[in-house]
Amino acid sequence: MQLKNVNRASDIFIWSLHPSCQNGDHYLGATNYFYIIFQEKGTYRRTTNMNHDSETVEYDLPPNFRNGLYYWGHSSIGYVSFLKPASDWGVEFYKGTDLSKDERVGVYSVHPDVLNFLPGGLSVTIGPAFGIWENIKTITNDSNTPLTWQKKINKKVGYNKEKMTQITHNWKIAASVTAETGDLSGLIAKVQFSFPAEYGGSHVSTESESWNEATEEEEQLTFELKPNESVYLWQYRLGLGKEPVLFCSYLKTDDDPNPPTEVPLPPAQS
């Protein structure tokens, strides 16, 4: 697909990819060429037309240019740039003139505000995603006779907006964007959870969960407890790093003091 302005769905041109240009991990353009990165093979393909696979050559990628997270080209100056995963210095930004010769113009660190906007970036700045069952209530019958336990319990449902808005505190966001898409930090977190583990995600879909600011909700519960029996009430939560981000609506009760092992959320669409 080619378009002149990403803000408007006008002047769109769509062509099919030549079979030799399919299944690439990254696609980019620089000067008069298109580049297709094949990470597993450690190669890249250069062509002037991805529909016809014209004037094609294929090269090995130097070790320093492999395993990038994102690649993009600078059409006017012929540079190719990419981000490398976290190292001792954090995520690094590489700029080079020739992918086949390891001709690097420079290597730079990446500002956290930039990383937060990129898919997978939250796993670097905050920490990888996690999902846990949190024990929110334990009910025990210490007597020698059966009893009926009936009470209202409070559970938190929604997402930790105060924590997540910290990731966008230095961004300038147009009011129209917020009106059309809702809370941007929540959308970014939602996408982060959908990523597979190699990108710091949990590969789960949170579409059915409430992404409104977390609030306390009451729920009426009734249990029949045998003598000296305990019941454990668990709530599923998703977080990043060490911080809980999304308090899910899923509750589970059992007599096992160990947390459940199943994941109640559906897998994310690949």
Protein backbone atom coordinates (compact mmCIF):
# COMPACT_ATOMS: atom_id res chain seq x y z
CA MET A 1 0.00 0.00 0.00
CA GLN A 2 1.23 3.50 -0.82
CA LEU A 3 -0.39 6.75 0.30
CA LYS A 4 0.66 10.39 0.38
CA ASN A 5 -0.86 11.33 3.71
CA VAL A 6 -1.50 8.94 6.62
CA ASN A 7 -4.11 11.34 8.00
CA ARG A 8 -6.34 10.87 4.96
CA ALA A 9 -7.38 7.71 3.15
CA SER A 10 -6.97 9.34 -0.25
CA ASP A 11 -4.62 8.65 -3.14
CA ILE A 12 -4.08 5.07 -2.01
CA PHE A 13 -2.33 2.63 -4.31
CA ILE A 14 -2.28 -1.11 -3.56
CA TRP A 15 -0.19 -3.72 -5.36
CA SER A 16 0.39 -7.39 -4.71
CA LEU A 17 3.80 -8.50 -3.47
CA HIS A 18 5.91 -10.65 -5.74
CA PRO A 19 6.33 -14.17 -4.19
CA SER A 20 10.06 -13.52 -3.68
CA CYS A 21 9.23 -10.39 -1.70
CA GLN A 22 6.73 -12.02 0.64
CA ASN A 23 7.23 -13.21 4.25
CA GLY A 24 9.80 -10.56 5.10
CA ASP A 25 10.21 -9.46 8.72
CA HIS A 26 10.77 -5.78 7.89
CA TYR A 27 10.15 -3.59 4.83
CA LEU A 28 11.63 -0.17 4.17
CA GLY A 29 12.48 2.22 1.37
CA ALA A 30 15.57 4.37 0.79
CA THR A 31 16.53 6.39 -2.31
CA ASN A 32 15.25 4.35 -5.28
CA TYR A 33 15.17 0.95 -3.58
CA PHE A 34 13.00 -1.17 -1.35
CA TYR A 35 14.66 -3.36 1.27
CA ILE A 36 13.19 -6.56 2.74
CA ILE A 37 14.79 -7.97 5.90
CA PHE A 38 14.69 -11.72 6.49
CA GLN A 39 15.82 -12.14 10.09
CA GLU A 40 15.97 -15.94 10.27
CA LYS A 41 18.09 -16.21 7.11
CA GLY A 42 20.22 -13.23 8.12
CA THR A 43 19.77 -11.64 4.69
CA TYR A 44 18.10 -8.70 3.02
CA ARG A 45 16.67 -8.32 -0.48
CA ARG A 46 16.98 -5.07 -2.44
CA THR A 47 14.66 -4.33 -5.35
CA THR A 48 13.34 -1.37 -7.30
CA ASN A 49 9.81 -2.83 -7.49
CA MET A 50 8.26 -5.25 -4.99
CA ASN A 51 5.43 -6.08 -7.38
CA HIS A 52 7.73 -7.27 -10.17
CA ASP A 53 10.88 -8.00 -8.09
CA SER A 54 12.91 -5.86 -10.50
CA GLU A 55 16.70 -5.36 -10.41
CA THR A 56 16.94 -7.61 -7.39
CA VAL A 57 20.01 -8.49 -5.37
CA GLU A 58 20.25 -10.31 -2.05
CA TYR A 59 22.97 -9.80 0.56
CA ASP A 60 23.95 -11.16 3.95
CA LEU A 61 23.25 -8.87 6.88
CA PRO A 62 26.34 -8.08 9.00
CA PRO A 63 25.96 -9.30 12.61
CA ASN A 64 25.57 -5.73 13.91
CA PHE A 65 22.65 -5.14 11.56
CA ARG A 66 20.70 -8.26 12.52
CA ASN A 67 17.89 -8.74 15.03
CA GLY A 68 16.67 -5.17 14.85
CA LEU A 69 13.27 -4.33 16.29
CA TYR A 70 12.34 -1.78 13.60
CA TYR A 71 14.00 -0.68 10.36
CA TRP A 72 13.26 2.41 8.30
CA GLY A 73 14.86 4.29 5.43
CA HIS A 74 15.68 7.94 4.73
CA SER A 75 14.69 8.39 1.11
CA SER A 76 16.47 11.71 0.52
CA ILE A 77 19.89 10.82 1.95
CA GLY A 78 20.05 7.06 1.45
CA TYR A 79 20.57 6.13 5.10
CA VAL A 80 18.98 3.11 6.73
CA SER A 81 18.16 3.23 10.45
CA PHE A 82 17.03 0.62 12.91
CA LEU A 83 16.54 -0.04 16.61
CA LYS A 84 18.35 -2.85 18.39
CA PRO A 85 16.88 -4.61 21.44
CA ALA A 86 17.97 -3.64 24.93
CA SER A 87 21.65 -4.04 25.77
CA ASP A 88 23.73 -2.78 28.70
CA TRP A 89 23.07 0.71 27.31
CA GLY A 90 19.37 0.17 26.68
CA VAL A 91 17.72 0.17 23.26
CA GLU A 92 20.15 1.51 20.65
CA PHE A 93 19.49 3.49 17.49
CA TYR A 94 21.76 2.63 14.53
CA LYS A 95 22.21 4.61 11.36
CA GLY A 96 24.10 3.19 8.38
CA THR A 97 24.78 3.86 4.70
CA ASP A 98 25.08 0.27 3.48
CA LEU A 99 23.37 -2.71 5.09
CA SER A 100 25.76 -5.20 3.47
CA LYS A 101 29.02 -3.55 4.63
CA ASP A 102 28.27 -2.58 8.25
CA GLU A 103 28.94 1.05 7.41
CA ARG A 104 27.55 2.74 10.48
CA VAL A 105 27.23 6.50 10.65
CA GLY A 106 26.41 6.41 14.34
CA VAL A 107 24.98 4.47 17.29
CA TYR A 108 22.82 6.32 19.79
CA SER A 109 20.66 5.61 22.82
CA VAL A 110 16.87 5.99 22.50
CA HIS A 111 14.89 8.34 24.73
CA PRO A 112 12.25 6.60 26.92
CA ASP A 113 9.47 8.86 25.57
CA VAL A 114 10.19 7.52 22.08
CA LEU A 115 10.30 3.92 23.29
CA ASN A 116 6.94 4.25 25.04
CA PHE A 117 5.27 5.06 21.74
CA LEU A 118 6.75 2.06 19.91
CA PRO A 119 5.14 -1.39 20.03
CA GLY A 120 6.99 -3.35 22.70
CA GLY A 121 8.57 -0.22 24.15
CA LEU A 122 6.72 -0.39 27.47
CA SER A 123 8.45 -3.69 28.24
CA VAL A 124 11.77 -1.81 28.10
CA THR A 125 10.83 1.34 30.05
CA ILE A 126 8.49 -0.25 32.61
CA GLY A 127 9.03 -4.01 32.35
CA PRO A 128 7.55 -7.06 30.59
CA ALA A 129 3.86 -7.87 30.90
CA PHE A 130 2.62 -10.34 33.49
CA GLY A 131 -0.70 -11.89 34.42
CA ILE A 132 -1.44 -13.13 37.95
CA TRP A 133 -4.30 -14.28 40.11
CA GLU A 134 -4.34 -12.07 43.22
CA ASN A 135 -5.93 -13.32 46.42
CA ILE A 136 -8.43 -10.60 47.41
CA LYS A 137 -10.27 -12.51 50.14
CA THR A 138 -9.90 -15.65 52.23
CA ILE A 139 -12.91 -16.98 54.14
CA THR A 140 -12.34 -19.58 56.85
CA ASN A 141 -14.78 -21.50 59.02
CA ASP A 142 -12.90 -22.04 62.28
CA SER A 143 -15.87 -23.68 63.97
CA ASN A 144 -16.85 -27.33 64.22
CA THR A 145 -20.18 -26.81 62.51
CA PRO A 146 -21.12 -25.88 58.93
CA LEU A 147 -22.00 -22.28 58.27
CA THR A 148 -23.26 -20.03 55.49
CA TRP A 149 -21.04 -17.04 54.72
CA GLN A 150 -22.81 -14.21 52.95
CA LYS A 151 -21.24 -10.80 52.45
CA LYS A 152 -20.54 -8.08 49.94
CA ILE A 153 -16.95 -7.78 48.82
CA ASN A 154 -15.27 -4.90 47.01
CA LYS A 155 -13.16 -5.52 43.92
CA LYS A 156 -11.26 -3.04 41.79
CA VAL A 157 -12.12 -3.17 38.06
CA GLY A 158 -10.56 -1.13 35.27
CA TYR A 159 -7.09 0.12 34.52
CA ASN A 160 -4.53 2.08 36.50
CA LYS A 161 -4.90 5.35 34.60
CA GLU A 162 -2.78 7.38 37.01
CA LYS A 163 0.18 5.07 36.52
CA MET A 164 -0.21 4.72 32.76
CA THR A 165 -0.59 8.43 31.98
CA GLN A 166 2.99 8.87 33.18
CA ILE A 167 4.14 7.35 29.89
CA THR A 168 2.59 10.20 27.88
CA HIS A 169 3.36 13.12 30.21
CA ASN A 170 5.88 14.68 27.78
CA TRP A 171 3.79 14.15 24.64
CA LYS A 172 1.73 16.81 22.92
CA ILE A 173 -1.54 15.12 22.01
CA ALA A 174 -4.19 16.88 19.95
CA ALA A 175 -7.62 17.03 21.56
CA SER A 176 -9.15 15.44 18.46
CA VAL A 177 -6.96 12.34 18.94
CA THR A 178 -8.20 11.83 22.48
CA ALA A 179 -11.81 12.36 21.42
CA GLU A 180 -11.58 9.84 18.59
CA THR A 181 -9.49 7.10 20.22
CA GLY A 182 -10.10 7.47 23.95
CA ASP A 183 -7.22 7.38 26.42
CA LEU A 184 -4.03 6.96 24.37
CA SER A 185 -1.98 5.44 27.20
CA GLY A 186 -4.67 2.80 27.69
CA LEU A 187 -4.62 1.93 24.00
CA ILE A 188 -0.84 1.56 24.06
CA ALA A 189 -1.01 -0.70 27.12
CA LYS A 190 -3.76 -2.78 25.50
CA VAL A 191 -1.57 -3.35 22.46
CA GLN A 192 1.44 -4.18 24.65
CA PHE A 193 -0.47 -6.98 26.39
CA SER A 194 -1.40 -8.45 23.00
CA PHE A 195 2.23 -8.88 21.93
CA PRO A 196 4.00 -12.26 22.30
CA ALA A 197 6.57 -12.77 25.05
CA GLU A 198 9.56 -11.93 22.84
CA TYR A 199 8.20 -8.36 22.66
CA GLY A 200 7.45 -8.23 26.36
CA GLY A 201 3.73 -8.98 26.03
CA SER A 202 1.35 -11.66 27.31
CA HIS A 203 -0.31 -12.49 23.96
CA VAL A 204 -3.80 -11.97 25.38
CA SER A 205 -6.76 -9.97 24.14
CA THR A 206 -8.19 -7.47 26.62
CA GLU A 207 -10.97 -6.19 24.36
CA SER A 208 -13.68 -7.53 26.68
CA GLU A 209 -12.22 -5.83 29.75
CA SER A 210 -13.06 -2.37 31.08
CA TRP A 211 -10.45 0.22 30.10
CA ASN A 212 -12.12 2.94 32.12
CA GLU A 213 -10.28 4.29 35.14
CA ALA A 214 -10.25 1.66 37.90
CA THR A 215 -13.15 1.87 40.35
CA GLU A 216 -14.38 -0.20 43.28
CA GLU A 217 -17.31 -2.50 42.59
CA GLU A 218 -19.41 -4.45 45.05
CA GLU A 219 -20.30 -8.09 44.55
CA GLN A 220 -22.57 -10.25 46.71
CA LEU A 221 -21.10 -13.65 47.55
CA THR A 222 -22.53 -16.64 49.39
CA PHE A 223 -20.58 -19.74 50.46
CA GLU A 224 -21.46 -22.91 52.29
CA LEU A 225 -18.42 -23.76 54.42
CA LYS A 226 -17.74 -27.07 56.10
CA PRO A 227 -16.05 -27.14 59.53
CA ASN A 228 -12.44 -25.90 59.35
CA GLU A 229 -12.76 -25.25 55.63
CA SER A 230 -11.27 -22.25 53.81
CA VAL A 231 -12.29 -20.68 50.52
CA TYR A 232 -9.96 -18.44 48.54
CA LEU A 233 -11.22 -15.67 46.25
CA TRP A 234 -8.93 -14.71 43.36
CA GLN A 235 -9.01 -11.85 40.86
CA TYR A 236 -7.01 -11.82 37.61
CA ARG A 237 -4.75 -8.84 37.01
CA LEU A 238 -2.38 -7.78 34.25
CA GLY A 239 0.64 -5.60 34.83
CA LEU A 240 3.90 -4.27 33.44
CA GLY A 241 7.15 -4.68 35.34
CA LYS A 242 6.02 -4.68 38.97
CA GLU A 243 2.97 -2.46 38.56
CA PRO A 244 -0.62 -3.74 38.18
CA VAL A 245 -2.17 -2.02 35.18
CA LEU A 246 -5.47 -3.77 34.46
CA PHE A 247 -7.80 -5.19 37.10
CA CYS A 248 -9.87 -7.74 35.20
CA SER A 249 -13.47 -8.70 35.91
CA TYR A 250 -12.59 -12.39 36.30
CA LEU A 251 -13.09 -13.86 39.78
CA LYS A 252 -12.44 -17.44 40.82
CA THR A 253 -13.06 -19.27 44.08
CA ASP A 254 -11.54 -22.54 45.22
CA ASP A 255 -10.22 -24.30 48.33
CA ASP A 256 -6.60 -24.28 47.17
CA PRO A 257 -4.30 -21.68 48.79
CA ASN A 258 -2.16 -21.69 45.64
CA PRO A 259 -3.15 -19.32 42.79
CA PRO A 260 -4.96 -20.82 39.77
CA THR A 261 -2.80 -21.53 36.75
CA GLU A 262 -5.20 -20.95 33.85
CA VAL A 263 -5.30 -17.70 31.87
CA PRO A 264 -8.93 -16.49 31.65
CA LEU A 265 -8.36 -14.07 28.77
CA PRO A 266 -8.54 -15.23 25.14
CA PRO A 267 -5.32 -15.28 23.10
CA ALA A 268 -4.59 -12.23 20.98
CA GLN A 269 -5.10 -12.47 17.25
CA SER A 270 -1.79 -13.08 15.50
